[in-house]
Amino acid sequence: MSWKGMRCCDCNELGKMENPYAVLGVREDAPMPVIEAAYKQLSKEYHPDSGSGNTEKFKEVQEAYKKLQQRNSEVEADSGGIESGVTADDAEWDGFDVGGDTFGGMPTEESSGEGTSDHVEVDGKYIDATLTGVERRDISDLISGRKIKELDSTEKVVISFDLYNKSGQRLKWNSADMDVIDSDGYTYQSGLDIFLKESELGPRWSSNVVELESGTRAKFVTVMDEVPADAEVTRIVHTLSVHEPGKVSGWVKEKERYVFDIESWSPLPDGLN
């Protein structure tokens, strides 16, 4: 169906729950591919089996999607079943082109810094971020015994940051938005299924995903489990998605790339401080 044919949500028609568009973090004129993409991402994020799962929010997302599927079927029937030709796999939740109409395109700024493997500062538009460590270490003391059995090796690349949100809104720093580039030009992404035990990290540390209120700080750590043993990390890139004020998911209004160039390696202390 054409997204232009969709009518705005009437909360009474869709049930007594919170506006389902708001639950999924999409606009009320969002086409189904955007809704489906948002649903998939939030279901993964809030799934009870994930390290940062939230059963209540997971159920809310499921219910909201069911309501909007029902609404879409009714509108599609009214419009004669016209299809847009765009699938959820084609759609990018934070902006894509539908039939010539740019839906949610956003500008991207870039902030960068260079230094050693234990100190690279990037003063961004929204966040002041300092790379405080890139090291290959044994993570067996930081993960569950069940997870250890699933890994081919417990020697992984661990990356840590100090973060300060200097913007006027809540922001999310997510390892899913991070790329590691080695000296041969190969790119690697984080292992989202490796959740570190925050009780073992020490005070103030967050693993994989952290939400920062305006004016707050955080110590962040993540595992890049796909980086080969012989790879030398020379650049780390994190893409921050800036959503509508008060939201950390859904519609993206702007992006900022944080580029950490590592000129030289230096010995790192054991553990996280």
C-alpha atoms as a PDB file:
ATOM      1  CA  MET A   1       0.000   0.000   0.000  1.00  0.00           C
ATOM      2  CA  SER A   2       1.045   3.614  -0.390  1.00  0.00           C
ATOM      3  CA  TRP A   3       1.985   5.213   2.929  1.00  0.00           C
ATOM      4  CA  LYS A   4       0.269   8.394   1.784  1.00  0.00           C
ATOM      5  CA  GLY A   5      -3.033   6.522   2.072  1.00  0.00           C
ATOM      6  CA  MET A   6      -2.647   5.839   5.781  1.00  0.00           C
ATOM      7  CA  ARG A   7      -4.764   7.851   8.174  1.00  0.00           C
ATOM      8  CA  CYS A   8      -3.456   9.104  11.494  1.00  0.00           C
ATOM      9  CA  CYS A   9      -4.039   6.915  14.504  1.00  0.00           C
ATOM     10  CA  ASP A  10      -7.149   7.276  16.607  1.00  0.00           C
ATOM     11  CA  CYS A  11      -6.142   5.904  20.005  1.00  0.00           C
ATOM     12  CA  ASN A  12      -9.727   4.880  20.776  1.00  0.00           C
ATOM     13  CA  GLU A  13      -9.881   2.794  17.603  1.00  0.00           C
ATOM     14  CA  LEU A  14      -6.581   1.110  18.380  1.00  0.00           C
ATOM     15  CA  GLY A  15      -7.416   0.227  21.946  1.00  0.00           C
ATOM     16  CA  LYS A  16      -6.794   1.751  25.347  1.00  0.00           C
ATOM     17  CA  MET A  17      -3.030   1.257  25.215  1.00  0.00           C
ATOM     18  CA  GLU A  18      -0.628   4.149  24.689  1.00  0.00           C
ATOM     19  CA  ASN A  19      -0.544   5.411  21.097  1.00  0.00           C
ATOM     20  CA  PRO A  20       1.139   2.450  19.310  1.00  0.00           C
ATOM     21  CA  TYR A  21       3.069   4.795  17.035  1.00  0.00           C
ATOM     22  CA  ALA A  22       4.611   6.374  20.124  1.00  0.00           C
ATOM     23  CA  VAL A  23       5.434   2.942  21.570  1.00  0.00           C
ATOM     24  CA  LEU A  24       7.388   2.063  18.403  1.00  0.00           C
ATOM     25  CA  GLY A  25       8.902   5.542  18.166  1.00  0.00           C
ATOM     26  CA  VAL A  26       7.630   6.295  14.647  1.00  0.00           C
ATOM     27  CA  ARG A  27       5.559   9.124  13.233  1.00  0.00           C
ATOM     28  CA  GLU A  28       1.859   8.603  12.608  1.00  0.00           C
ATOM     29  CA  ASP A  29       2.368   8.903   8.836  1.00  0.00           C
ATOM     30  CA  ALA A  30       5.096   6.233   8.843  1.00  0.00           C
ATOM     31  CA  PRO A  31       4.681   3.523   6.163  1.00  0.00           C
ATOM     32  CA  MET A  32       4.536  -0.131   7.202  1.00  0.00           C
ATOM     33  CA  PRO A  33       8.179  -0.841   6.211  1.00  0.00           C
ATOM     34  CA  VAL A  34       9.315   1.767   8.769  1.00  0.00           C
ATOM     35  CA  ILE A  35       6.925   0.359  11.371  1.00  0.00           C
ATOM     36  CA  GLU A  36       8.201  -3.171  10.729  1.00  0.00           C
ATOM     37  CA  ALA A  37      11.831  -2.084  10.920  1.00  0.00           C
ATOM     38  CA  ALA A  38      11.160  -0.288  14.225  1.00  0.00           C
ATOM     39  CA  TYR A  39       9.335  -3.333  15.570  1.00  0.00           C
ATOM     40  CA  LYS A  40      12.222  -5.689  14.710  1.00  0.00           C
ATOM     41  CA  GLN A  41      14.822  -3.430  16.309  1.00  0.00           C
ATOM     42  CA  LEU A  42      12.867  -2.810  19.518  1.00  0.00           C
ATOM     43  CA  SER A  43      11.880  -6.479  19.857  1.00  0.00           C
ATOM     44  CA  LYS A  44      15.553  -7.408  19.713  1.00  0.00           C
ATOM     45  CA  GLU A  45      16.525  -4.687  22.191  1.00  0.00           C
ATOM     46  CA  TYR A  46      13.833  -5.484  24.769  1.00  0.00           C
ATOM     47  CA  HIS A  47      13.735  -9.274  24.359  1.00  0.00           C
ATOM     48  CA  PRO A  48      13.771 -10.914  27.816  1.00  0.00           C
ATOM     49  CA  ASP A  49      16.703 -13.113  26.797  1.00  0.00           C
ATOM     50  CA  SER A  50      18.983 -10.166  26.007  1.00  0.00           C
ATOM     51  CA  GLY A  51      21.251  -8.701  28.643  1.00  0.00           C
ATOM     52  CA  SER A  52      19.331  -5.408  28.672  1.00  0.00           C
ATOM     53  CA  GLY A  53      15.896  -7.020  28.195  1.00  0.00           C
ATOM     54  CA  ASN A  54      12.674  -5.565  29.517  1.00  0.00           C
ATOM     55  CA  THR A  55       9.672  -7.929  29.531  1.00  0.00           C
ATOM     56  CA  GLU A  56       7.079  -5.178  30.016  1.00  0.00           C
ATOM     57  CA  LYS A  57       8.390  -3.055  27.147  1.00  0.00           C
ATOM     58  CA  PHE A  58       8.789  -6.149  24.982  1.00  0.00           C
ATOM     59  CA  LYS A  59       5.083  -6.924  25.450  1.00  0.00           C
ATOM     60  CA  GLU A  60       4.156  -3.289  24.706  1.00  0.00           C
ATOM     61  CA  VAL A  61       6.104  -3.400  21.447  1.00  0.00           C
ATOM     62  CA  GLN A  62       4.438  -6.688  20.431  1.00  0.00           C
ATOM     63  CA  GLU A  63       0.964  -5.313  21.162  1.00  0.00           C
ATOM     64  CA  ALA A  64       1.620  -2.010  19.390  1.00  0.00           C
ATOM     65  CA  TYR A  65       2.796  -3.794  16.261  1.00  0.00           C
ATOM     66  CA  LYS A  66      -0.279  -6.061  16.247  1.00  0.00           C
ATOM     67  CA  LYS A  67      -2.540  -3.013  16.497  1.00  0.00           C
ATOM     68  CA  LEU A  68      -0.822  -1.274  13.597  1.00  0.00           C
ATOM     69  CA  GLN A  69      -0.860  -4.434  11.489  1.00  0.00           C
ATOM     70  CA  GLN A  70      -4.618  -4.584  12.003  1.00  0.00           C
ATOM     71  CA  ARG A  71      -4.968  -0.903  11.142  1.00  0.00           C
ATOM     72  CA  ASN A  72      -2.834  -1.356   8.020  1.00  0.00           C
ATOM     73  CA  SER A  73      -4.994  -4.275   6.837  1.00  0.00           C
ATOM     74  CA  GLU A  74      -8.130  -2.139   7.161  1.00  0.00           C
ATOM     75  CA  VAL A  75      -6.608   0.780   5.243  1.00  0.00           C
ATOM     76  CA  GLU A  76      -5.222  -1.547   2.584  1.00  0.00           C
ATOM     77  CA  ALA A  77      -8.656  -3.063   2.086  1.00  0.00           C
ATOM     78  CA  ASP A  78     -10.150   0.420   1.724  1.00  0.00           C
ATOM     79  CA  SER A  79      -7.523   1.403  -0.868  1.00  0.00           C
ATOM     80  CA  GLY A  80      -7.890  -1.737  -2.966  1.00  0.00           C
ATOM     81  CA  GLY A  81      -4.699  -3.429  -1.786  1.00  0.00           C
ATOM     82  CA  ILE A  82      -2.185  -1.097  -3.474  1.00  0.00           C
ATOM     83  CA  GLU A  83       1.366  -2.046  -2.465  1.00  0.00           C
ATOM     84  CA  SER A  84       4.350   0.284  -2.133  1.00  0.00           C
ATOM     85  CA  GLY A  85       6.889  -2.352  -3.215  1.00  0.00           C
ATOM     86  CA  VAL A  86       9.111  -1.570  -0.206  1.00  0.00           C
ATOM     87  CA  THR A  87       9.838  -4.284   2.367  1.00  0.00           C
ATOM     88  CA  ALA A  88      11.024  -4.009   5.966  1.00  0.00           C
ATOM     89  CA  ASP A  89      14.386  -5.433   4.884  1.00  0.00           C
ATOM     90  CA  ASP A  90      14.763  -2.599   2.354  1.00  0.00           C
ATOM     91  CA  ALA A  91      13.678   0.069   4.809  1.00  0.00           C
ATOM     92  CA  GLU A  92      16.084   1.836   7.083  1.00  0.00           C
ATOM     93  CA  TRP A  93      14.275   2.918  10.180  1.00  0.00           C
ATOM     94  CA  ASP A  94      16.201   6.166  10.342  1.00  0.00           C
ATOM     95  CA  GLY A  95      15.522   7.317   6.793  1.00  0.00           C
ATOM     96  CA  PHE A  96      14.916   5.861   3.344  1.00  0.00           C
ATOM     97  CA  ASP A  97      13.367   6.624  -0.036  1.00  0.00           C
ATOM     98  CA  VAL A  98       9.827   5.461  -0.801  1.00  0.00           C
ATOM     99  CA  GLY A  99       8.650   5.983  -4.355  1.00  0.00           C
ATOM    100  CA  GLY A 100      10.740   9.091  -4.788  1.00  0.00           C
ATOM    101  CA  ASP A 101       9.803  10.605  -1.427  1.00  0.00           C
ATOM    102  CA  THR A 102      12.678  10.883   1.035  1.00  0.00           C
ATOM    103  CA  PHE A 103      11.259   9.655   4.311  1.00  0.00           C
ATOM    104  CA  GLY A 104      13.301  10.703   7.301  1.00  0.00           C
ATOM    105  CA  GLY A 105      16.620  11.683   5.707  1.00  0.00           C
ATOM    106  CA  MET A 106      19.023  13.186   8.222  1.00  0.00           C
ATOM    107  CA  PRO A 107      22.263  15.172   8.138  1.00  0.00           C
ATOM    108  CA  THR A 108      25.430  13.561   9.485  1.00  0.00           C
ATOM    109  CA  GLU A 109      28.222  15.504  11.143  1.00  0.00           C
ATOM    110  CA  GLU A 110      31.677  14.176  11.983  1.00  0.00           C
ATOM    111  CA  SER A 111      33.926  14.795  14.989  1.00  0.00           C
ATOM    112  CA  SER A 112      37.362  13.215  15.279  1.00  0.00           C
ATOM    113  CA  GLY A 113      40.472  12.913  17.405  1.00  0.00           C
ATOM    114  CA  GLU A 114      43.757  10.999  17.410  1.00  0.00           C
ATOM    115  CA  GLY A 115      46.049   9.552  20.022  1.00  0.00           C
ATOM    116  CA  THR A 116      47.200   6.285  21.570  1.00  0.00           C
ATOM    117  CA  SER A 117      45.258   3.134  22.301  1.00  0.00           C
ATOM    118  CA  ASP A 118      44.579   4.298  25.859  1.00  0.00           C
ATOM    119  CA  HIS A 119      43.666   7.931  25.165  1.00  0.00           C
ATOM    120  CA  VAL A 120      41.852   9.566  22.242  1.00  0.00           C
ATOM    121  CA  GLU A 121      39.591  12.550  22.900  1.00  0.00           C
ATOM    122  CA  VAL A 122      36.720  13.548  20.604  1.00  0.00           C
ATOM    123  CA  ASP A 123      34.761  16.688  21.468  1.00  0.00           C
ATOM    124  CA  GLY A 124      31.525  16.105  19.623  1.00  0.00           C
ATOM    125  CA  LYS A 125      28.510  18.296  19.083  1.00  0.00           C
ATOM    126  CA  TYR A 126      26.454  16.221  21.512  1.00  0.00           C
ATOM    127  CA  ILE A 127      28.902  14.116  23.534  1.00  0.00           C
ATOM    128  CA  ASP A 128      32.480  14.552  24.734  1.00  0.00           C
ATOM    129  CA  ALA A 129      33.887  11.034  24.300  1.00  0.00           C
ATOM    130  CA  THR A 130      37.293   9.774  25.389  1.00  0.00           C
ATOM    131  CA  LEU A 131      38.572   6.397  24.243  1.00  0.00           C
ATOM    132  CA  THR A 132      40.273   5.062  27.382  1.00  0.00           C
ATOM    133  CA  GLY A 133      41.342   1.607  26.281  1.00  0.00           C
ATOM    134  CA  VAL A 134      41.683  -0.860  23.412  1.00  0.00           C
ATOM    135  CA  GLU A 135      43.167  -4.147  24.522  1.00  0.00           C
ATOM    136  CA  ARG A 136      42.973  -7.846  23.820  1.00  0.00           C
ATOM    137  CA  ARG A 137      42.283  -9.600  27.105  1.00  0.00           C
ATOM    138  CA  ASP A 138      40.720 -12.667  28.682  1.00  0.00           C
ATOM    139  CA  ILE A 139      37.058 -11.894  29.396  1.00  0.00           C
ATOM    140  CA  SER A 140      36.241 -15.146  31.210  1.00  0.00           C
ATOM    141  CA  ASP A 141      35.928 -13.244  34.508  1.00  0.00           C
ATOM    142  CA  LEU A 142      33.371 -10.874  32.961  1.00  0.00           C
ATOM    143  CA  ILE A 143      30.898 -13.291  31.338  1.00  0.00           C
ATOM    144  CA  SER A 144      28.748 -16.216  32.415  1.00  0.00           C
ATOM    145  CA  GLY A 145      30.051 -19.771  32.434  1.00  0.00           C
ATOM    146  CA  ARG A 146      27.392 -20.773  29.899  1.00  0.00           C
ATOM    147  CA  LYS A 147      28.629 -18.121  27.477  1.00  0.00           C
ATOM    148  CA  ILE A 148      32.259 -19.202  27.916  1.00  0.00           C
ATOM    149  CA  LYS A 149      31.355 -22.645  26.582  1.00  0.00           C
ATOM    150  CA  GLU A 150      29.928 -21.081  23.404  1.00  0.00           C
ATOM    151  CA  LEU A 151      33.068 -19.089  22.535  1.00  0.00           C
ATOM    152  CA  ASP A 152      35.976 -20.398  20.482  1.00  0.00           C
ATOM    153  CA  SER A 153      38.258 -18.265  22.659  1.00  0.00           C
ATOM    154  CA  THR A 154      37.844 -15.961  25.641  1.00  0.00           C
ATOM    155  CA  GLU A 155      40.630 -13.689  24.372  1.00  0.00           C
ATOM    156  CA  LYS A 156      38.713 -10.756  22.884  1.00  0.00           C
ATOM    157  CA  VAL A 157      39.232  -7.095  22.032  1.00  0.00           C
ATOM    158  CA  VAL A 158      37.752  -4.929  24.792  1.00  0.00           C
ATOM    159  CA  ILE A 159      37.112  -1.222  24.193  1.00  0.00           C
ATOM    160  CA  SER A 160      36.262   1.359  26.858  1.00  0.00           C
ATOM    161  CA  PHE A 161      35.147   5.003  26.854  1.00  0.00           C
ATOM    162  CA  ASP A 162      34.454   7.903  29.181  1.00  0.00           C
ATOM    163  CA  LEU A 163      31.326   9.730  27.999  1.00  0.00           C
ATOM    164  CA  TYR A 164      29.768  13.080  28.883  1.00  0.00           C
ATOM    165  CA  ASN A 165      26.415  14.152  27.443  1.00  0.00           C
ATOM    166  CA  LYS A 166      26.653  17.908  26.992  1.00  0.00           C
ATOM    167  CA  SER A 167      23.485  18.179  24.920  1.00  0.00           C
ATOM    168  CA  GLY A 168      20.092  19.198  26.225  1.00  0.00           C
ATOM    169  CA  GLN A 169      18.474  15.798  25.618  1.00  0.00           C
ATOM    170  CA  ARG A 170      18.757  12.109  26.440  1.00  0.00           C
ATOM    171  CA  LEU A 171      21.126  10.119  24.191  1.00  0.00           C
ATOM    172  CA  LYS A 172      22.046   6.464  23.718  1.00  0.00           C
ATOM    173  CA  TRP A 173      25.616   5.188  23.141  1.00  0.00           C
ATOM    174  CA  ASN A 174      25.260   1.715  21.648  1.00  0.00           C
ATOM    175  CA  SER A 175      27.943  -0.799  20.667  1.00  0.00           C
ATOM    176  CA  ALA A 176      25.681  -1.836  17.767  1.00  0.00           C
ATOM    177  CA  ASP A 177      26.584   1.504  16.174  1.00  0.00           C
ATOM    178  CA  MET A 178      30.349   0.958  16.449  1.00  0.00           C
ATOM    179  CA  ASP A 179      32.879  -0.192  13.839  1.00  0.00           C
ATOM    180  CA  VAL A 180      36.519  -1.199  14.385  1.00  0.00           C
ATOM    181  CA  ILE A 181      38.981  -0.842  11.513  1.00  0.00           C
ATOM    182  CA  ASP A 182      42.357  -2.587  11.468  1.00  0.00           C
ATOM    183  CA  SER A 183      45.673  -1.646   9.846  1.00  0.00           C
ATOM    184  CA  ASP A 184      44.767  -3.651   6.721  1.00  0.00           C
ATOM    185  CA  GLY A 185      41.532  -1.726   6.233  1.00  0.00           C
ATOM    186  CA  TYR A 186      39.114  -4.450   7.375  1.00  0.00           C
ATOM    187  CA  THR A 187      36.026  -3.453   9.364  1.00  0.00           C
ATOM    188  CA  TYR A 188      34.547  -5.373  12.302  1.00  0.00           C
ATOM    189  CA  GLN A 189      31.431  -4.879  14.413  1.00  0.00           C
ATOM    190  CA  SER A 190      30.609  -5.682  18.014  1.00  0.00           C
ATOM    191  CA  GLY A 191      29.404  -9.005  19.359  1.00  0.00           C
ATOM    192  CA  LEU A 192      25.927  -8.049  20.514  1.00  0.00           C
ATOM    193  CA  ASP A 193      25.399 -11.411  22.169  1.00  0.00           C
ATOM    194  CA  ILE A 194      28.288 -10.925  24.615  1.00  0.00           C
ATOM    195  CA  PHE A 195      26.889  -9.175  27.663  1.00  0.00           C
ATOM    196  CA  LEU A 196      29.451  -8.423  30.351  1.00  0.00           C
ATOM    197  CA  LYS A 197      28.467  -8.819  33.987  1.00  0.00           C
ATOM    198  CA  GLU A 198      28.250  -5.247  35.197  1.00  0.00           C
ATOM    199  CA  SER A 199      28.624  -6.454  38.786  1.00  0.00           C
ATOM    200  CA  GLU A 200      32.184  -7.493  37.865  1.00  0.00           C
ATOM    201  CA  LEU A 201      33.075  -4.276  36.048  1.00  0.00           C
ATOM    202  CA  GLY A 202      33.102  -2.024  39.067  1.00  0.00           C
ATOM    203  CA  PRO A 203      31.113   1.109  39.934  1.00  0.00           C
ATOM    204  CA  ARG A 204      29.833   3.410  37.179  1.00  0.00           C
ATOM    205  CA  TRP A 205      30.507   0.997  34.309  1.00  0.00           C
ATOM    206  CA  SER A 206      27.905   0.143  31.642  1.00  0.00           C
ATOM    207  CA  SER A 207      28.196  -2.617  29.052  1.00  0.00           C
ATOM    208  CA  ASN A 208      27.057  -2.544  25.395  1.00  0.00           C
ATOM    209  CA  VAL A 209      24.300   0.091  25.753  1.00  0.00           C
ATOM    210  CA  VAL A 210      24.042   3.159  27.951  1.00  0.00           C
ATOM    211  CA  GLU A 211      21.417   5.906  28.048  1.00  0.00           C
ATOM    212  CA  LEU A 212      22.764   9.291  29.103  1.00  0.00           C
ATOM    213  CA  GLU A 213      20.557  12.013  30.508  1.00  0.00           C
ATOM    214  CA  SER A 214      21.573  15.570  29.692  1.00  0.00           C
ATOM    215  CA  GLY A 215      24.602  16.644  31.731  1.00  0.00           C
ATOM    216  CA  THR A 216      25.512  13.128  32.912  1.00  0.00           C
ATOM    217  CA  ARG A 217      28.588  10.905  32.541  1.00  0.00           C
ATOM    218  CA  ALA A 218      29.196   7.206  32.019  1.00  0.00           C
ATOM    219  CA  LYS A 219      32.013   4.688  31.738  1.00  0.00           C
ATOM    220  CA  PHE A 220      31.257   2.387  28.810  1.00  0.00           C
ATOM    221  CA  VAL A 221      32.795  -0.927  27.781  1.00  0.00           C
ATOM    222  CA  THR A 222      32.094  -3.359  24.951  1.00  0.00           C
ATOM    223  CA  VAL A 223      33.575  -6.502  23.403  1.00  0.00           C
ATOM    224  CA  MET A 224      34.479  -6.701  19.713  1.00  0.00           C
ATOM    225  CA  ASP A 225      34.537 -10.472  19.378  1.00  0.00           C
ATOM    226  CA  GLU A 226      35.063 -10.709  15.602  1.00  0.00           C
ATOM    227  CA  VAL A 227      38.464  -8.977  15.515  1.00  0.00           C
ATOM    228  CA  PRO A 228      41.160 -11.557  14.553  1.00  0.00           C
ATOM    229  CA  ALA A 229      44.019 -12.242  16.951  1.00  0.00           C
ATOM    230  CA  ASP A 230      46.609 -10.771  14.566  1.00  0.00           C
ATOM    231  CA  ALA A 231      44.663  -7.567  13.779  1.00  0.00           C
ATOM    232  CA  GLU A 232      45.968  -4.169  14.907  1.00  0.00           C
ATOM    233  CA  VAL A 233      43.153  -1.705  15.596  1.00  0.00           C
ATOM    234  CA  THR A 234      43.871   1.692  14.050  1.00  0.00           C
ATOM    235  CA  ARG A 235      40.446   3.373  14.008  1.00  0.00           C
ATOM    236  CA  ILE A 236      37.159   3.159  15.895  1.00  0.00           C
ATOM    237  CA  VAL A 237      34.030   4.818  14.529  1.00  0.00           C
ATOM    238  CA  HIS A 238      30.829   5.299  16.518  1.00  0.00           C
ATOM    239  CA  THR A 239      27.698   6.692  14.857  1.00  0.00           C
ATOM    240  CA  LEU A 240      25.403   8.480  17.291  1.00  0.00           C
ATOM    241  CA  SER A 241      21.724   8.709  16.339  1.00  0.00           C
ATOM    242  CA  VAL A 242      19.970  11.814  17.670  1.00  0.00           C
ATOM    243  CA  HIS A 243      16.227  11.302  17.983  1.00  0.00           C
ATOM    244  CA  GLU A 244      13.343  13.608  18.727  1.00  0.00           C
ATOM    245  CA  PRO A 245      13.757  15.325  22.127  1.00  0.00           C
ATOM    246  CA  GLY A 246      13.003  12.941  24.975  1.00  0.00           C
ATOM    247  CA  LYS A 247      13.464   9.783  22.881  1.00  0.00           C
ATOM    248  CA  VAL A 248      16.409   7.405  22.413  1.00  0.00           C
ATOM    249  CA  SER A 249      14.826   5.260  19.698  1.00  0.00           C
ATOM    250  CA  GLY A 250      12.543   5.644  16.705  1.00  0.00           C
ATOM    251  CA  TRP A 251      12.706   8.559  14.316  1.00  0.00           C
ATOM    252  CA  VAL A 252      16.224   9.928  13.768  1.00  0.00           C
ATOM    253  CA  LYS A 253      16.598  13.655  13.108  1.00  0.00           C
ATOM    254  CA  GLU A 254      20.409  13.794  12.925  1.00  0.00           C
ATOM    255  CA  LYS A 255      23.528  11.622  13.137  1.00  0.00           C
ATOM    256  CA  GLU A 256      27.068  12.331  14.325  1.00  0.00           C
ATOM    257  CA  ARG A 257      30.096  10.156  13.571  1.00  0.00           C
ATOM    258  CA  TYR A 258      32.778   9.980  16.267  1.00  0.00           C
ATOM    259  CA  VAL A 259      36.116   8.943  14.752  1.00  0.00           C
ATOM    260  CA  PHE A 260      38.937   7.772  17.058  1.00  0.00           C
ATOM    261  CA  ASP A 261      42.251   7.435  15.170  1.00  0.00           C
ATOM    262  CA  ILE A 262      44.891   5.408  16.988  1.00  0.00           C
ATOM    263  CA  GLU A 263      48.371   6.523  15.982  1.00  0.00           C
ATOM    264  CA  SER A 264      50.330   4.255  18.300  1.00  0.00           C
ATOM    265  CA  TRP A 265      49.814   1.476  20.795  1.00  0.00           C
ATOM    266  CA  SER A 266      50.824   1.757  24.423  1.00  0.00           C
ATOM    267  CA  PRO A 267      50.735  -0.745  27.316  1.00  0.00           C
ATOM    268  CA  LEU A 268      47.395  -0.820  29.091  1.00  0.00           C
ATOM    269  CA  PRO A 269      46.827  -1.552  32.769  1.00  0.00           C
ATOM    270  CA  ASP A 270      45.084  -4.801  33.690  1.00  0.00           C
ATOM    271  CA  GLY A 271      41.353  -4.495  34.210  1.00  0.00           C
ATOM    272  CA  LEU A 272      39.058  -1.461  34.099  1.00  0.00           C
ATOM    273  CA  ASN A 273      39.659   1.523  36.322  1.00  0.00           C
END
